[in-house]
Amino acid sequence: MFVSVVIPTYNRRPILEKCLLALEEQSIDSSIEGFEVIVVDDGSTDGTPSWLKHKASIFPHVRLVEQDHGGPAQARNRGVENSRGEVIIFIDSDLVVTRSFLISHIKVLQRTWSRRGDRYCFTYGVVINTANFDNPTSELYKLQDTSWAYFATGNVAIDKKILELSGLFDTGFYLYGWEDLELGERLRQMGVRLVKCPQAIGYHWHPPFSLEQIPSLIRIERERAKMGLVFYRKHPTLRVRFIIQFTWIHFFLWELLTLGGIINERSLRPLLGFLIRQGYAGLAMELFRIALNRIGVRELFREAYFIGIG
């Protein structure tokens, strides 16, 4: 079986190098006749394409596809369209995988295909979040690493023909968020089942939380709100309302937890700074998420009001 790993990237060159090196070190057996790594550069401005071309000898499995900046949905679609594999594995460009990553996905897929008698399934691996750039795979699994998403492209493998039957990613998701979970809803409706694959482990690197990240995180949260409504308009169900937090339960919950907005990005700033200086950047981020959730939910309701969604 030939496997295609599809990776969209945008200005992630330092961690992308670790991501690609880990894929070059994969341990495979006869169940994988070969694999390719399709890196779709989404209009990076940090020199990623020229760097990849210069380092081609170090990354023999990598094929580069370039596009103007159009977002991860468009980039993943381009990757699938240019792939040669029977199975597509999606990961993000800031994910560093273990040596048994590919073979773990493939073995579980093959067992499940044999048991079911069809290929209407996908495998979902484990993503462990870490801020350790030098040694990301040293991070231990944490409770907050648990994901309840149905189809999240940080670490999934699926038969290419089944993926194509679904219609691929909706490029209407041009800002941050939800394009993979929306595809997941369509896969669910097709009867494509999630199969957990805990042996396929990826370490998701992100820089330690700092006060300088606050404006960017708020911008991303507002983008997620806008794209959340795109998701809901395509699938106007209670399930999707809960996924994107577009319910009065969520509205009042975050209002209550922030005391009606008294706890916000400005009032929290001194405490967040103190925690970061004491070496508790992770705790500071979790605390900031309370204010961030309120921002996102309020943006959802504000956008819904303007476009007439009840």
C-alpha atoms as a PDB file:
ATOM      1  CA  MET A   1       0.000   0.000   0.000  1.00  0.00           C
ATOM      2  CA  PHE A   2       1.253   3.463  -0.909  1.00  0.00           C
ATOM      3  CA  VAL A   3       0.539   6.225   1.620  1.00  0.00           C
ATOM      4  CA  SER A   4       0.343  10.003   1.176  1.00  0.00           C
ATOM      5  CA  VAL A   5       0.884  12.309   4.140  1.00  0.00           C
ATOM      6  CA  VAL A   6      -0.651  15.725   3.427  1.00  0.00           C
ATOM      7  CA  ILE A   7       0.676  18.721   5.374  1.00  0.00           C
ATOM      8  CA  PRO A   8      -0.516  22.301   4.810  1.00  0.00           C
ATOM      9  CA  THR A   9       1.919  24.908   6.095  1.00  0.00           C
ATOM     10  CA  TYR A  10       2.103  28.658   6.480  1.00  0.00           C
ATOM     11  CA  ASN A  11       5.176  30.346   7.975  1.00  0.00           C
ATOM     12  CA  ARG A  12       6.139  27.383  10.171  1.00  0.00           C
ATOM     13  CA  ARG A  13       9.632  26.640   8.853  1.00  0.00           C
ATOM     14  CA  PRO A  14      11.486  25.888  12.142  1.00  0.00           C
ATOM     15  CA  ILE A  15       8.967  23.359  13.469  1.00  0.00           C
ATOM     16  CA  LEU A  16       8.206  22.079   9.954  1.00  0.00           C
ATOM     17  CA  GLU A  17      11.816  20.891   9.782  1.00  0.00           C
ATOM     18  CA  LYS A  18      11.314  18.757  12.906  1.00  0.00           C
ATOM     19  CA  CYS A  19       8.001  17.505  11.519  1.00  0.00           C
ATOM     20  CA  LEU A  20       9.576  16.370   8.235  1.00  0.00           C
ATOM     21  CA  LEU A  21      12.670  14.850   9.852  1.00  0.00           C
ATOM     22  CA  ALA A  22      10.416  12.688  12.042  1.00  0.00           C
ATOM     23  CA  LEU A  23       8.566  11.452   8.959  1.00  0.00           C
ATOM     24  CA  GLU A  24      11.847  10.575   7.230  1.00  0.00           C
ATOM     25  CA  GLU A  25      12.699   8.335  10.196  1.00  0.00           C
ATOM     26  CA  GLN A  26       9.578   6.158  10.005  1.00  0.00           C
ATOM     27  CA  SER A  27       9.812   2.425  10.691  1.00  0.00           C
ATOM     28  CA  ILE A  28       7.722   0.612   8.078  1.00  0.00           C
ATOM     29  CA  ASP A  29       7.170  -2.995   7.032  1.00  0.00           C
ATOM     30  CA  SER A  30       5.723  -4.861   4.059  1.00  0.00           C
ATOM     31  CA  SER A  31       2.238  -3.417   4.648  1.00  0.00           C
ATOM     32  CA  ILE A  32       3.558  -0.075   3.349  1.00  0.00           C
ATOM     33  CA  GLU A  33       5.188  -0.324  -0.077  1.00  0.00           C
ATOM     34  CA  GLY A  34       6.125   3.343   0.074  1.00  0.00           C
ATOM     35  CA  PHE A  35       5.014   6.779   1.163  1.00  0.00           C
ATOM     36  CA  GLU A  36       5.202  10.406   0.148  1.00  0.00           C
ATOM     37  CA  VAL A  37       4.908  13.594   2.174  1.00  0.00           C
ATOM     38  CA  ILE A  38       3.064  16.329   0.301  1.00  0.00           C
ATOM     39  CA  VAL A  39       3.814  19.716   1.810  1.00  0.00           C
ATOM     40  CA  VAL A  40       1.390  22.338   0.525  1.00  0.00           C
ATOM     41  CA  ASP A  41       2.861  25.765   1.126  1.00  0.00           C
ATOM     42  CA  ASP A  42      -0.020  28.202   1.584  1.00  0.00           C
ATOM     43  CA  GLY A  43       1.800  31.344   0.449  1.00  0.00           C
ATOM     44  CA  SER A  44       4.426  31.436   3.211  1.00  0.00           C
ATOM     45  CA  THR A  45       6.520  34.581   3.497  1.00  0.00           C
ATOM     46  CA  ASP A  46       9.313  33.000   5.570  1.00  0.00           C
ATOM     47  CA  GLY A  47      11.104  31.333   2.669  1.00  0.00           C
ATOM     48  CA  THR A  48       9.647  27.856   3.246  1.00  0.00           C
ATOM     49  CA  PRO A  49       9.423  26.844  -0.462  1.00  0.00           C
ATOM     50  CA  SER A  50      12.993  27.854  -1.336  1.00  0.00           C
ATOM     51  CA  TRP A  51      14.266  26.221   1.863  1.00  0.00           C
ATOM     52  CA  LEU A  52      12.511  22.942   0.982  1.00  0.00           C
ATOM     53  CA  LYS A  53      13.933  22.974  -2.531  1.00  0.00           C
ATOM     54  CA  HIS A  54      17.412  23.596  -1.141  1.00  0.00           C
ATOM     55  CA  LYS A  55      17.017  20.734   1.383  1.00  0.00           C
ATOM     56  CA  ALA A  56      15.514  18.247  -1.106  1.00  0.00           C
ATOM     57  CA  SER A  57      18.278  15.690  -0.483  1.00  0.00           C
ATOM     58  CA  ILE A  58      17.489  15.618   3.258  1.00  0.00           C
ATOM     59  CA  PHE A  59      13.773  15.054   2.640  1.00  0.00           C
ATOM     60  CA  PRO A  60      13.574  12.465  -0.170  1.00  0.00           C
ATOM     61  CA  HIS A  61       9.906  11.659   0.532  1.00  0.00           C
ATOM     62  CA  VAL A  62       8.753  15.281   0.337  1.00  0.00           C
ATOM     63  CA  ARG A  63       6.888  16.720  -2.638  1.00  0.00           C
ATOM     64  CA  LEU A  64       6.248  20.457  -2.551  1.00  0.00           C
ATOM     65  CA  VAL A  65       3.025  22.021  -3.809  1.00  0.00           C
ATOM     66  CA  GLU A  66       2.754  25.809  -3.757  1.00  0.00           C
ATOM     67  CA  GLN A  67      -0.322  28.028  -3.746  1.00  0.00           C
ATOM     68  CA  ASP A  68      -1.260  31.612  -2.984  1.00  0.00           C
ATOM     69  CA  HIS A  69      -2.509  32.089   0.566  1.00  0.00           C
ATOM     70  CA  GLY A  70      -5.957  30.502   0.573  1.00  0.00           C
ATOM     71  CA  GLY A  71      -6.251  28.750   3.916  1.00  0.00           C
ATOM     72  CA  PRO A  72      -5.837  25.172   5.155  1.00  0.00           C
ATOM     73  CA  ALA A  73      -9.004  23.805   3.511  1.00  0.00           C
ATOM     74  CA  GLN A  74      -7.798  24.777   0.049  1.00  0.00           C
ATOM     75  CA  ALA A  75      -4.272  23.601   0.872  1.00  0.00           C
ATOM     76  CA  ARG A  76      -5.424  20.152   2.019  1.00  0.00           C
ATOM     77  CA  ASN A  77      -7.570  19.768  -1.091  1.00  0.00           C
ATOM     78  CA  ARG A  78      -4.569  20.609  -3.258  1.00  0.00           C
ATOM     79  CA  GLY A  79      -2.548  18.041  -1.366  1.00  0.00           C
ATOM     80  CA  VAL A  80      -5.152  15.321  -1.963  1.00  0.00           C
ATOM     81  CA  GLU A  81      -5.457  16.249  -5.641  1.00  0.00           C
ATOM     82  CA  ASN A  82      -1.679  15.886  -6.056  1.00  0.00           C
ATOM     83  CA  SER A  83      -1.381  12.687  -4.031  1.00  0.00           C
ATOM     84  CA  ARG A  84      -0.613   9.195  -5.328  1.00  0.00           C
ATOM     85  CA  GLY A  85      -1.512   7.265  -2.193  1.00  0.00           C
ATOM     86  CA  GLU A  86      -4.307   4.812  -1.544  1.00  0.00           C
ATOM     87  CA  VAL A  87      -4.539   6.216   1.985  1.00  0.00           C
ATOM     88  CA  ILE A  88      -4.330   9.881   2.963  1.00  0.00           C
ATOM     89  CA  ILE A  89      -2.924  10.859   6.344  1.00  0.00           C
ATOM     90  CA  PHE A  90      -3.447  14.444   7.464  1.00  0.00           C
ATOM     91  CA  ILE A  91      -1.194  16.094  10.000  1.00  0.00           C
ATOM     92  CA  ASP A  92      -0.359  19.717  10.773  1.00  0.00           C
ATOM     93  CA  SER A  93       3.046  21.228  10.070  1.00  0.00           C
ATOM     94  CA  ASP A  94       3.718  21.739  13.794  1.00  0.00           C
ATOM     95  CA  LEU A  95       3.283  18.041  14.637  1.00  0.00           C
ATOM     96  CA  VAL A  96       6.279  15.810  15.412  1.00  0.00           C
ATOM     97  CA  VAL A  97       5.416  12.115  15.186  1.00  0.00           C
ATOM     98  CA  THR A  98       6.928   8.941  16.610  1.00  0.00           C
ATOM     99  CA  ARG A  99       8.786   6.364  14.469  1.00  0.00           C
ATOM    100  CA  SER A 100       5.816   3.971  14.431  1.00  0.00           C
ATOM    101  CA  PHE A 101       3.314   6.655  13.383  1.00  0.00           C
ATOM    102  CA  LEU A 102       2.609   5.554   9.797  1.00  0.00           C
ATOM    103  CA  ILE A 103       2.594   1.829  10.449  1.00  0.00           C
ATOM    104  CA  SER A 104       0.257   2.264  13.428  1.00  0.00           C
ATOM    105  CA  HIS A 105      -2.353   4.030  11.306  1.00  0.00           C
ATOM    106  CA  ILE A 106      -2.066   1.521   8.465  1.00  0.00           C
ATOM    107  CA  LYS A 107      -2.266  -1.616  10.617  1.00  0.00           C
ATOM    108  CA  VAL A 108      -5.390  -0.395  12.424  1.00  0.00           C
ATOM    109  CA  LEU A 109      -6.993   0.654   9.139  1.00  0.00           C
ATOM    110  CA  GLN A 110      -6.301  -2.719   7.535  1.00  0.00           C
ATOM    111  CA  ARG A 111      -7.669  -4.645  10.527  1.00  0.00           C
ATOM    112  CA  THR A 112     -10.794  -2.501  10.545  1.00  0.00           C
ATOM    113  CA  TRP A 113     -11.343  -2.847   6.793  1.00  0.00           C
ATOM    114  CA  SER A 114     -11.061  -6.629   7.132  1.00  0.00           C
ATOM    115  CA  ARG A 115     -13.500  -6.752  10.050  1.00  0.00           C
ATOM    116  CA  ARG A 116     -16.064  -4.411   8.471  1.00  0.00           C
ATOM    117  CA  GLY A 117     -15.830  -5.646   4.898  1.00  0.00           C
ATOM    118  CA  ASP A 118     -15.601  -2.064   3.606  1.00  0.00           C
ATOM    119  CA  ARG A 119     -13.449   1.041   3.971  1.00  0.00           C
ATOM    120  CA  TYR A 120     -16.002   3.371   5.536  1.00  0.00           C
ATOM    121  CA  CYS A 121     -13.843   4.326   8.487  1.00  0.00           C
ATOM    122  CA  PHE A 122     -10.876   6.469   9.434  1.00  0.00           C
ATOM    123  CA  THR A 123      -8.270   6.224  12.168  1.00  0.00           C
ATOM    124  CA  TYR A 124      -7.757   8.994  14.680  1.00  0.00           C
ATOM    125  CA  GLY A 125      -4.416   9.183  16.470  1.00  0.00           C
ATOM    126  CA  VAL A 126      -3.306  10.914  19.652  1.00  0.00           C
ATOM    127  CA  VAL A 127      -2.137  14.534  19.767  1.00  0.00           C
ATOM    128  CA  ILE A 128      -0.054  15.615  22.763  1.00  0.00           C
ATOM    129  CA  ASN A 129       0.412  19.364  23.153  1.00  0.00           C
ATOM    130  CA  THR A 130       3.840  20.657  24.066  1.00  0.00           C
ATOM    131  CA  ALA A 131       5.760  23.915  24.264  1.00  0.00           C
ATOM    132  CA  ASN A 132       9.126  22.117  24.274  1.00  0.00           C
ATOM    133  CA  PHE A 133      10.665  23.013  20.909  1.00  0.00           C
ATOM    134  CA  ASP A 134      14.031  21.320  21.492  1.00  0.00           C
ATOM    135  CA  ASN A 135      12.546  17.959  22.465  1.00  0.00           C
ATOM    136  CA  PRO A 136       8.802  17.931  21.736  1.00  0.00           C
ATOM    137  CA  THR A 137       8.411  14.152  22.029  1.00  0.00           C
ATOM    138  CA  SER A 138       9.476  14.260  25.700  1.00  0.00           C
ATOM    139  CA  GLU A 139       6.066  15.646  26.734  1.00  0.00           C
ATOM    140  CA  LEU A 140       3.775  13.355  28.717  1.00  0.00           C
ATOM    141  CA  TYR A 141       0.101  12.876  27.889  1.00  0.00           C
ATOM    142  CA  LYS A 142      -2.148  15.235  29.875  1.00  0.00           C
ATOM    143  CA  LEU A 143      -5.868  15.288  30.566  1.00  0.00           C
ATOM    144  CA  GLN A 144      -6.245  18.480  28.505  1.00  0.00           C
ATOM    145  CA  ASP A 145      -4.825  16.623  25.488  1.00  0.00           C
ATOM    146  CA  THR A 146      -8.055  14.617  25.278  1.00  0.00           C
ATOM    147  CA  SER A 147     -10.049  15.509  22.172  1.00  0.00           C
ATOM    148  CA  TRP A 148     -13.744  14.842  21.535  1.00  0.00           C
ATOM    149  CA  ALA A 149     -13.594  15.953  17.896  1.00  0.00           C
ATOM    150  CA  TYR A 150     -14.957  13.497  15.323  1.00  0.00           C
ATOM    151  CA  PHE A 151     -12.557  14.320  12.498  1.00  0.00           C
ATOM    152  CA  ALA A 152      -9.641  16.597  13.338  1.00  0.00           C
ATOM    153  CA  THR A 153      -6.901  16.853  10.730  1.00  0.00           C
ATOM    154  CA  GLY A 154      -4.074  17.081  13.244  1.00  0.00           C
ATOM    155  CA  ASN A 155      -3.742  13.282  13.083  1.00  0.00           C
ATOM    156  CA  VAL A 156      -6.122  11.211  10.916  1.00  0.00           C
ATOM    157  CA  ALA A 157      -5.863   8.561   8.186  1.00  0.00           C
ATOM    158  CA  ILE A 158      -8.561   7.723   5.651  1.00  0.00           C
ATOM    159  CA  ASP A 159      -9.018   5.847   2.375  1.00  0.00           C
ATOM    160  CA  LYS A 160      -8.565   8.320  -0.481  1.00  0.00           C
ATOM    161  CA  LYS A 161     -11.652   7.185  -2.409  1.00  0.00           C
ATOM    162  CA  ILE A 162     -13.875   7.573   0.657  1.00  0.00           C
ATOM    163  CA  LEU A 163     -12.416  11.027   1.224  1.00  0.00           C
ATOM    164  CA  GLU A 164     -13.115  12.015  -2.376  1.00  0.00           C
ATOM    165  CA  LEU A 165     -16.692  10.726  -2.094  1.00  0.00           C
ATOM    166  CA  SER A 166     -17.227  13.145   0.796  1.00  0.00           C
ATOM    167  CA  GLY A 167     -16.415  16.128  -1.432  1.00  0.00           C
ATOM    168  CA  LEU A 168     -13.163  17.060   0.375  1.00  0.00           C
ATOM    169  CA  PHE A 169     -12.859  20.265   2.426  1.00  0.00           C
ATOM    170  CA  ASP A 170     -15.189  23.198   1.928  1.00  0.00           C
ATOM    171  CA  THR A 171     -13.042  26.169   0.867  1.00  0.00           C
ATOM    172  CA  GLY A 172     -15.775  28.492   2.143  1.00  0.00           C
ATOM    173  CA  PHE A 173     -13.886  28.158   5.428  1.00  0.00           C
ATOM    174  CA  TYR A 174     -11.338  30.792   4.478  1.00  0.00           C
ATOM    175  CA  LEU A 175     -10.533  31.968   8.017  1.00  0.00           C
ATOM    176  CA  TYR A 176      -9.332  29.966  11.016  1.00  0.00           C
ATOM    177  CA  GLY A 177     -11.282  26.964  12.233  1.00  0.00           C
ATOM    178  CA  TRP A 178     -13.942  24.288  11.742  1.00  0.00           C
ATOM    179  CA  GLU A 179     -13.197  23.125   8.169  1.00  0.00           C
ATOM    180  CA  ASP A 180     -12.104  19.691   9.409  1.00  0.00           C
ATOM    181  CA  LEU A 181     -15.002  19.209  11.825  1.00  0.00           C
ATOM    182  CA  GLU A 182     -17.452  20.224   9.095  1.00  0.00           C
ATOM    183  CA  LEU A 183     -16.002  17.530   6.837  1.00  0.00           C
ATOM    184  CA  GLY A 184     -16.375  15.204   9.797  1.00  0.00           C
ATOM    185  CA  GLU A 185     -20.118  15.883   9.889  1.00  0.00           C
ATOM    186  CA  ARG A 186     -20.410  14.873   6.242  1.00  0.00           C
ATOM    187  CA  LEU A 187     -18.379  11.727   6.891  1.00  0.00           C
ATOM    188  CA  ARG A 188     -20.686  10.839   9.791  1.00  0.00           C
ATOM    189  CA  GLN A 189     -23.697  11.261   7.527  1.00  0.00           C
ATOM    190  CA  MET A 190     -22.047   8.884   5.017  1.00  0.00           C
ATOM    191  CA  GLY A 191     -21.638   6.287   7.761  1.00  0.00           C
ATOM    192  CA  VAL A 192     -17.850   6.647   7.936  1.00  0.00           C
ATOM    193  CA  ARG A 193     -16.819   5.580  11.424  1.00  0.00           C
ATOM    194  CA  LEU A 194     -14.081   6.853  13.711  1.00  0.00           C
ATOM    195  CA  VAL A 195     -11.593   4.249  14.918  1.00  0.00           C
ATOM    196  CA  LYS A 196      -9.219   5.275  17.707  1.00  0.00           C
ATOM    197  CA  CYS A 197      -5.538   4.623  17.044  1.00  0.00           C
ATOM    198  CA  PRO A 198      -3.666   5.453  20.270  1.00  0.00           C
ATOM    199  CA  GLN A 199      -0.380   4.068  18.934  1.00  0.00           C
ATOM    200  CA  ALA A 200      -0.214   6.817  16.267  1.00  0.00           C
ATOM    201  CA  ILE A 201       1.189   9.605  18.412  1.00  0.00           C
ATOM    202  CA  GLY A 202       1.967  13.160  17.360  1.00  0.00           C
ATOM    203  CA  TYR A 203       3.374  15.961  19.500  1.00  0.00           C
ATOM    204  CA  HIS A 204       1.794  19.304  18.679  1.00  0.00           C
ATOM    205  CA  TRP A 205       4.262  22.092  19.320  1.00  0.00           C
ATOM    206  CA  HIS A 206       3.168  25.627  20.092  1.00  0.00           C
ATOM    207  CA  PRO A 207       5.227  28.418  21.661  1.00  0.00           C
ATOM    208  CA  PRO A 208       4.793  29.006  25.414  1.00  0.00           C
ATOM    209  CA  PHE A 209       1.987  31.438  26.176  1.00  0.00           C
ATOM    210  CA  SER A 210       3.094  35.060  26.442  1.00  0.00           C
ATOM    211  CA  LEU A 211       1.269  38.367  26.855  1.00  0.00           C
ATOM    212  CA  GLU A 212       2.338  39.332  23.333  1.00  0.00           C
ATOM    213  CA  GLN A 213       0.143  36.516  21.944  1.00  0.00           C
ATOM    214  CA  ILE A 214      -3.086  37.958  23.375  1.00  0.00           C
ATOM    215  CA  PRO A 215      -4.097  40.143  20.369  1.00  0.00           C
ATOM    216  CA  SER A 216      -3.447  37.262  17.953  1.00  0.00           C
ATOM    217  CA  LEU A 217      -5.397  34.776  20.089  1.00  0.00           C
ATOM    218  CA  ILE A 218      -8.352  37.170  20.264  1.00  0.00           C
ATOM    219  CA  ARG A 219      -8.243  37.663  16.489  1.00  0.00           C
ATOM    220  CA  ILE A 220      -8.218  33.889  15.940  1.00  0.00           C
ATOM    221  CA  GLU A 221     -11.134  33.429  18.353  1.00  0.00           C
ATOM    222  CA  ARG A 222     -13.190  35.960  16.399  1.00  0.00           C
ATOM    223  CA  GLU A 223     -12.315  34.222  13.149  1.00  0.00           C
ATOM    224  CA  ARG A 224     -13.416  30.915  14.685  1.00  0.00           C
ATOM    225  CA  ALA A 225     -16.751  32.503  15.560  1.00  0.00           C
ATOM    226  CA  LYS A 226     -17.321  33.633  11.975  1.00  0.00           C
ATOM    227  CA  MET A 227     -16.369  30.231  10.591  1.00  0.00           C
ATOM    228  CA  GLY A 228     -18.475  28.552  13.277  1.00  0.00           C
ATOM    229  CA  LEU A 229     -21.544  30.152  11.767  1.00  0.00           C
ATOM    230  CA  VAL A 230     -20.515  28.914   8.313  1.00  0.00           C
ATOM    231  CA  PHE A 231     -20.398  25.452   9.911  1.00  0.00           C
ATOM    232  CA  TYR A 232     -23.828  25.875  11.505  1.00  0.00           C
ATOM    233  CA  ARG A 233     -25.470  27.165   8.315  1.00  0.00           C
ATOM    234  CA  LYS A 234     -24.332  23.998   6.539  1.00  0.00           C
ATOM    235  CA  HIS A 235     -25.435  21.750   9.421  1.00  0.00           C
ATOM    236  CA  PRO A 236     -28.162  23.530  11.430  1.00  0.00           C
ATOM    237  CA  THR A 237     -28.373  20.925  14.185  1.00  0.00           C
ATOM    238  CA  LEU A 238     -28.268  21.013  17.963  1.00  0.00           C
ATOM    239  CA  ARG A 239     -25.117  18.904  17.840  1.00  0.00           C
ATOM    240  CA  VAL A 240     -23.285  21.575  15.818  1.00  0.00           C
ATOM    241  CA  ARG A 241     -24.647  24.340  18.054  1.00  0.00           C
ATOM    242  CA  PHE A 242     -22.958  22.630  20.996  1.00  0.00           C
ATOM    243  CA  ILE A 243     -19.738  22.010  19.064  1.00  0.00           C
ATOM    244  CA  ILE A 244     -19.341  25.715  18.233  1.00  0.00           C
ATOM    245  CA  GLN A 245     -20.832  26.887  21.590  1.00  0.00           C
ATOM    246  CA  PHE A 246     -23.759  28.648  19.912  1.00  0.00           C
ATOM    247  CA  THR A 247     -26.279  28.074  22.707  1.00  0.00           C
ATOM    248  CA  TRP A 248     -27.665  30.212  25.508  1.00  0.00           C
ATOM    249  CA  ILE A 249     -26.162  27.702  27.933  1.00  0.00           C
ATOM    250  CA  HIS A 250     -22.691  28.617  26.717  1.00  0.00           C
ATOM    251  CA  PHE A 251     -23.530  32.314  26.578  1.00  0.00           C
ATOM    252  CA  PHE A 252     -24.611  32.468  30.223  1.00  0.00           C
ATOM    253  CA  LEU A 253     -21.902  30.048  31.367  1.00  0.00           C
ATOM    254  CA  TRP A 254     -19.068  32.273  30.138  1.00  0.00           C
ATOM    255  CA  GLU A 255     -20.832  35.418  31.318  1.00  0.00           C
ATOM    256  CA  LEU A 256     -21.090  33.843  34.769  1.00  0.00           C
ATOM    257  CA  LEU A 257     -17.488  32.618  34.861  1.00  0.00           C
ATOM    258  CA  THR A 258     -16.166  36.032  33.803  1.00  0.00           C
ATOM    259  CA  LEU A 259     -18.571  37.926  36.114  1.00  0.00           C
ATOM    260  CA  GLY A 260     -20.208  39.547  33.122  1.00  0.00           C
ATOM    261  CA  GLY A 261     -16.892  40.437  31.518  1.00  0.00           C
ATOM    262  CA  ILE A 262     -15.180  41.881  34.602  1.00  0.00           C
ATOM    263  CA  ILE A 263     -12.657  39.079  34.195  1.00  0.00           C
ATOM    264  CA  ASN A 264     -11.258  39.913  30.770  1.00  0.00           C
ATOM    265  CA  GLU A 265      -8.008  40.167  28.834  1.00  0.00           C
ATOM    266  CA  ARG A 266      -7.207  43.519  30.470  1.00  0.00           C
ATOM    267  CA  SER A 267      -8.075  42.721  34.070  1.00  0.00           C
ATOM    268  CA  LEU A 268      -6.310  39.348  33.843  1.00  0.00           C
ATOM    269  CA  ARG A 269      -3.118  40.771  32.388  1.00  0.00           C
ATOM    270  CA  PRO A 270      -1.230  41.379  35.695  1.00  0.00           C
ATOM    271  CA  LEU A 271      -2.052  37.891  36.975  1.00  0.00           C
ATOM    272  CA  LEU A 272      -1.167  36.285  33.653  1.00  0.00           C
ATOM    273  CA  GLY A 273       2.150  38.129  33.614  1.00  0.00           C
ATOM    274  CA  PHE A 274       2.910  36.991  37.167  1.00  0.00           C
ATOM    275  CA  LEU A 275       2.142  33.335  36.361  1.00  0.00           C
ATOM    276  CA  ILE A 276       4.296  33.457  33.223  1.00  0.00           C
ATOM    277  CA  ARG A 277       7.228  34.933  35.151  1.00  0.00           C
ATOM    278  CA  GLN A 278       6.886  32.181  37.764  1.00  0.00           C
ATOM    279  CA  GLY A 279       7.100  29.516  35.059  1.00  0.00           C
ATOM    280  CA  TYR A 280       3.384  28.693  34.859  1.00  0.00           C
ATOM    281  CA  ALA A 281       2.690  29.722  31.268  1.00  0.00           C
ATOM    282  CA  GLY A 282       0.395  26.713  30.776  1.00  0.00           C
ATOM    283  CA  LEU A 283      -1.752  27.655  33.761  1.00  0.00           C
ATOM    284  CA  ALA A 284      -1.861  31.262  32.542  1.00  0.00           C
ATOM    285  CA  MET A 285      -3.132  30.067  29.156  1.00  0.00           C
ATOM    286  CA  GLU A 286      -5.867  27.941  30.736  1.00  0.00           C
ATOM    287  CA  LEU A 287      -6.971  30.932  32.823  1.00  0.00           C
ATOM    288  CA  PHE A 288      -6.964  33.185  29.779  1.00  0.00           C
ATOM    289  CA  ARG A 289      -9.157  30.667  27.939  1.00  0.00           C
ATOM    290  CA  ILE A 290     -12.042  31.664  30.227  1.00  0.00           C
ATOM    291  CA  ALA A 291     -11.963  35.225  28.922  1.00  0.00           C
ATOM    292  CA  LEU A 292     -11.256  33.969  25.404  1.00  0.00           C
ATOM    293  CA  ASN A 293     -14.333  31.745  25.421  1.00  0.00           C
ATOM    294  CA  ARG A 294     -16.526  34.687  26.377  1.00  0.00           C
ATOM    295  CA  ILE A 295     -15.091  36.706  23.487  1.00  0.00           C
ATOM    296  CA  GLY A 296     -15.770  33.879  21.052  1.00  0.00           C
ATOM    297  CA  VAL A 297     -19.317  33.189  22.196  1.00  0.00           C
ATOM    298  CA  ARG A 298     -20.274  36.858  22.226  1.00  0.00           C
ATOM    299  CA  GLU A 299     -18.843  37.194  18.709  1.00  0.00           C
ATOM    300  CA  LEU A 300     -20.932  34.211  17.598  1.00  0.00           C
ATOM    301  CA  PHE A 301     -24.140  35.785  18.849  1.00  0.00           C
ATOM    302  CA  ARG A 302     -23.217  39.194  17.441  1.00  0.00           C
ATOM    303  CA  GLU A 303     -22.481  37.791  13.981  1.00  0.00           C
ATOM    304  CA  ALA A 304     -25.616  35.636  14.100  1.00  0.00           C
ATOM    305  CA  TYR A 305     -27.738  38.700  14.853  1.00  0.00           C
ATOM    306  CA  PHE A 306     -26.339  40.625  11.892  1.00  0.00           C
ATOM    307  CA  ILE A 307     -26.861  37.809   9.398  1.00  0.00           C
ATOM    308  CA  GLY A 308     -30.235  36.771  10.801  1.00  0.00           C
ATOM    309  CA  ILE A 309     -29.479  33.364  12.306  1.00  0.00           C
ATOM    310  CA  GLY A 310     -31.604  32.474  15.302  1.00  0.00           C
END
